[in-house]
Amino acid sequence: MRKLFLSAALVTGISAPAMAETIHVGVNGLVCAFCVTGIENSLKKIPAIESVKVDLDNKLVTITTKPDKTLDDKTITETITDAGYNVTNIHHKK
């Protein structure tokens, strides 16, 4: 029965939807629009990233990965630190 269901799923193209990950990153040192642009440009160079939004008032960067891609804390921290800012926390949400 299990093989029958698997075969039917393959034939009909049934599959689980690809999931993107949302990552919230607290960042110290964000004070102006130039900071926003610098963070966005640095992070958008990472191939796994679909989009980046920076909330200047709350010092929060929201990263959305491409479907079925992940991004580790080390890469995020290094990229933001290299851009001249400090990461205070990182929270991943699927």
C-alpha atoms as a PDB file:
ATOM      1  CA  MET A   1       0.000   0.000   0.000  1.00  0.00           C
ATOM      2  CA  ARG A   2       2.829   2.361   0.873  1.00  0.00           C
ATOM      3  CA  LYS A   3       4.525   1.756  -2.492  1.00  0.00           C
ATOM      4  CA  LEU A   4       1.223   2.356  -4.250  1.00  0.00           C
ATOM      5  CA  PHE A   5       0.754   5.726  -2.548  1.00  0.00           C
ATOM      6  CA  LEU A   6       4.349   6.758  -3.257  1.00  0.00           C
ATOM      7  CA  SER A   7       3.965   5.790  -6.903  1.00  0.00           C
ATOM      8  CA  ALA A   8       0.706   7.729  -7.150  1.00  0.00           C
ATOM      9  CA  ALA A   9       2.318  10.776  -5.572  1.00  0.00           C
ATOM     10  CA  LEU A  10       5.203  10.663  -8.008  1.00  0.00           C
ATOM     11  CA  VAL A  11       2.933  10.235 -11.014  1.00  0.00           C
ATOM     12  CA  THR A  12       0.586  13.063 -10.031  1.00  0.00           C
ATOM     13  CA  GLY A  13       3.378  15.379  -8.932  1.00  0.00           C
ATOM     14  CA  ILE A  14       2.218  15.672  -5.352  1.00  0.00           C
ATOM     15  CA  SER A  15       4.959  17.020  -3.169  1.00  0.00           C
ATOM     16  CA  ALA A  16       5.423  19.134  -0.094  1.00  0.00           C
ATOM     17  CA  PRO A  17       5.701  22.848  -0.793  1.00  0.00           C
ATOM     18  CA  ALA A  18       9.181  24.317  -0.559  1.00  0.00           C
ATOM     19  CA  MET A  19       9.562  26.228   2.684  1.00  0.00           C
ATOM     20  CA  ALA A  20      11.440  29.461   3.119  1.00  0.00           C
ATOM     21  CA  GLU A  21      12.891  30.491   6.458  1.00  0.00           C
ATOM     22  CA  THR A  22      12.421  33.871   8.120  1.00  0.00           C
ATOM     23  CA  ILE A  23      15.279  35.082  10.296  1.00  0.00           C
ATOM     24  CA  HIS A  24      15.050  38.072  12.638  1.00  0.00           C
ATOM     25  CA  VAL A  25      18.369  39.658  13.562  1.00  0.00           C
ATOM     26  CA  GLY A  26      18.846  42.350  16.205  1.00  0.00           C
ATOM     27  CA  VAL A  27      21.599  44.755  15.166  1.00  0.00           C
ATOM     28  CA  ASN A  28      23.342  47.534  17.114  1.00  0.00           C
ATOM     29  CA  GLY A  29      24.756  50.507  15.264  1.00  0.00           C
ATOM     30  CA  LEU A  30      21.915  51.145  12.813  1.00  0.00           C
ATOM     31  CA  VAL A  31      21.292  54.907  12.847  1.00  0.00           C
ATOM     32  CA  CYS A  32      20.535  56.105   9.302  1.00  0.00           C
ATOM     33  CA  ALA A  33      19.397  55.223   5.784  1.00  0.00           C
ATOM     34  CA  PHE A  34      23.025  54.646   4.795  1.00  0.00           C
ATOM     35  CA  CYS A  35      23.204  51.916   7.453  1.00  0.00           C
ATOM     36  CA  VAL A  36      20.064  50.300   6.026  1.00  0.00           C
ATOM     37  CA  THR A  37      21.518  50.279   2.508  1.00  0.00           C
ATOM     38  CA  GLY A  38      24.844  48.881   3.728  1.00  0.00           C
ATOM     39  CA  ILE A  39      23.203  45.987   5.586  1.00  0.00           C
ATOM     40  CA  GLU A  40      20.836  45.204   2.705  1.00  0.00           C
ATOM     41  CA  ASN A  41      23.593  45.215   0.087  1.00  0.00           C
ATOM     42  CA  SER A  42      25.908  43.041   2.196  1.00  0.00           C
ATOM     43  CA  LEU A  43      23.265  40.417   2.954  1.00  0.00           C
ATOM     44  CA  LYS A  44      21.811  40.309  -0.575  1.00  0.00           C
ATOM     45  CA  LYS A  45      25.168  38.984  -1.807  1.00  0.00           C
ATOM     46  CA  ILE A  46      24.470  35.690  -0.013  1.00  0.00           C
ATOM     47  CA  PRO A  47      22.937  33.282  -2.578  1.00  0.00           C
ATOM     48  CA  ALA A  48      20.493  31.680  -0.092  1.00  0.00           C
ATOM     49  CA  ILE A  49      18.764  34.999   0.654  1.00  0.00           C
ATOM     50  CA  GLU A  50      15.517  35.911  -1.108  1.00  0.00           C
ATOM     51  CA  SER A  51      14.898  39.260   0.601  1.00  0.00           C
ATOM     52  CA  VAL A  52      16.148  41.588   3.330  1.00  0.00           C
ATOM     53  CA  LYS A  53      14.157  44.226   5.207  1.00  0.00           C
ATOM     54  CA  VAL A  54      15.700  46.557   7.747  1.00  0.00           C
ATOM     55  CA  ASP A  55      13.597  48.236  10.449  1.00  0.00           C
ATOM     56  CA  LEU A  56      15.761  51.183  11.490  1.00  0.00           C
ATOM     57  CA  ASP A  57      13.552  52.214  14.431  1.00  0.00           C
ATOM     58  CA  ASN A  58      13.631  48.766  16.039  1.00  0.00           C
ATOM     59  CA  LYS A  59      17.195  47.904  14.938  1.00  0.00           C
ATOM     60  CA  LEU A  60      15.843  44.714  13.383  1.00  0.00           C
ATOM     61  CA  VAL A  61      16.852  42.975  10.157  1.00  0.00           C
ATOM     62  CA  THR A  62      14.394  40.457   8.701  1.00  0.00           C
ATOM     63  CA  ILE A  63      15.873  37.962   6.256  1.00  0.00           C
ATOM     64  CA  THR A  64      13.815  35.595   4.124  1.00  0.00           C
ATOM     65  CA  THR A  65      15.682  32.692   2.566  1.00  0.00           C
ATOM     66  CA  LYS A  66      14.918  31.151  -0.777  1.00  0.00           C
ATOM     67  CA  PRO A  67      12.694  28.046  -0.579  1.00  0.00           C
ATOM     68  CA  ASP A  68      14.534  25.013   0.808  1.00  0.00           C
ATOM     69  CA  LYS A  69      17.610  27.112   1.673  1.00  0.00           C
ATOM     70  CA  THR A  70      18.986  27.704   5.145  1.00  0.00           C
ATOM     71  CA  LEU A  71      21.360  30.252   6.573  1.00  0.00           C
ATOM     72  CA  ASP A  72      23.524  29.659   9.614  1.00  0.00           C
ATOM     73  CA  ASP A  73      24.110  32.159  12.414  1.00  0.00           C
ATOM     74  CA  LYS A  74      27.849  32.313  11.725  1.00  0.00           C
ATOM     75  CA  THR A  75      27.345  33.535   8.139  1.00  0.00           C
ATOM     76  CA  ILE A  76      24.786  36.122   9.243  1.00  0.00           C
ATOM     77  CA  THR A  77      26.980  37.385  12.072  1.00  0.00           C
ATOM     78  CA  GLU A  78      30.136  37.556   9.941  1.00  0.00           C
ATOM     79  CA  THR A  79      28.356  39.406   7.132  1.00  0.00           C
ATOM     80  CA  ILE A  80      26.808  41.995   9.448  1.00  0.00           C
ATOM     81  CA  THR A  81      30.019  42.397  11.472  1.00  0.00           C
ATOM     82  CA  ASP A  82      32.055  42.860   8.283  1.00  0.00           C
ATOM     83  CA  ALA A  83      29.606  45.609   7.284  1.00  0.00           C
ATOM     84  CA  GLY A  84      30.465  47.403  10.549  1.00  0.00           C
ATOM     85  CA  TYR A  85      27.582  46.490  12.853  1.00  0.00           C
ATOM     86  CA  ASN A  86      27.046  44.257  15.892  1.00  0.00           C
ATOM     87  CA  VAL A  87      24.553  41.396  16.059  1.00  0.00           C
ATOM     88  CA  THR A  88      22.663  41.248  19.353  1.00  0.00           C
ATOM     89  CA  ASN A  89      20.431  38.219  18.683  1.00  0.00           C
ATOM     90  CA  ILE A  90      19.218  35.900  15.939  1.00  0.00           C
ATOM     91  CA  HIS A  91      15.877  34.101  15.807  1.00  0.00           C
ATOM     92  CA  HIS A  92      14.978  31.558  13.076  1.00  0.00           C
ATOM     93  CA  LYS A  93      11.367  30.826  12.122  1.00  0.00           C
ATOM     94  CA  LYS A  94      10.215  28.282   9.502  1.00  0.00           C
END
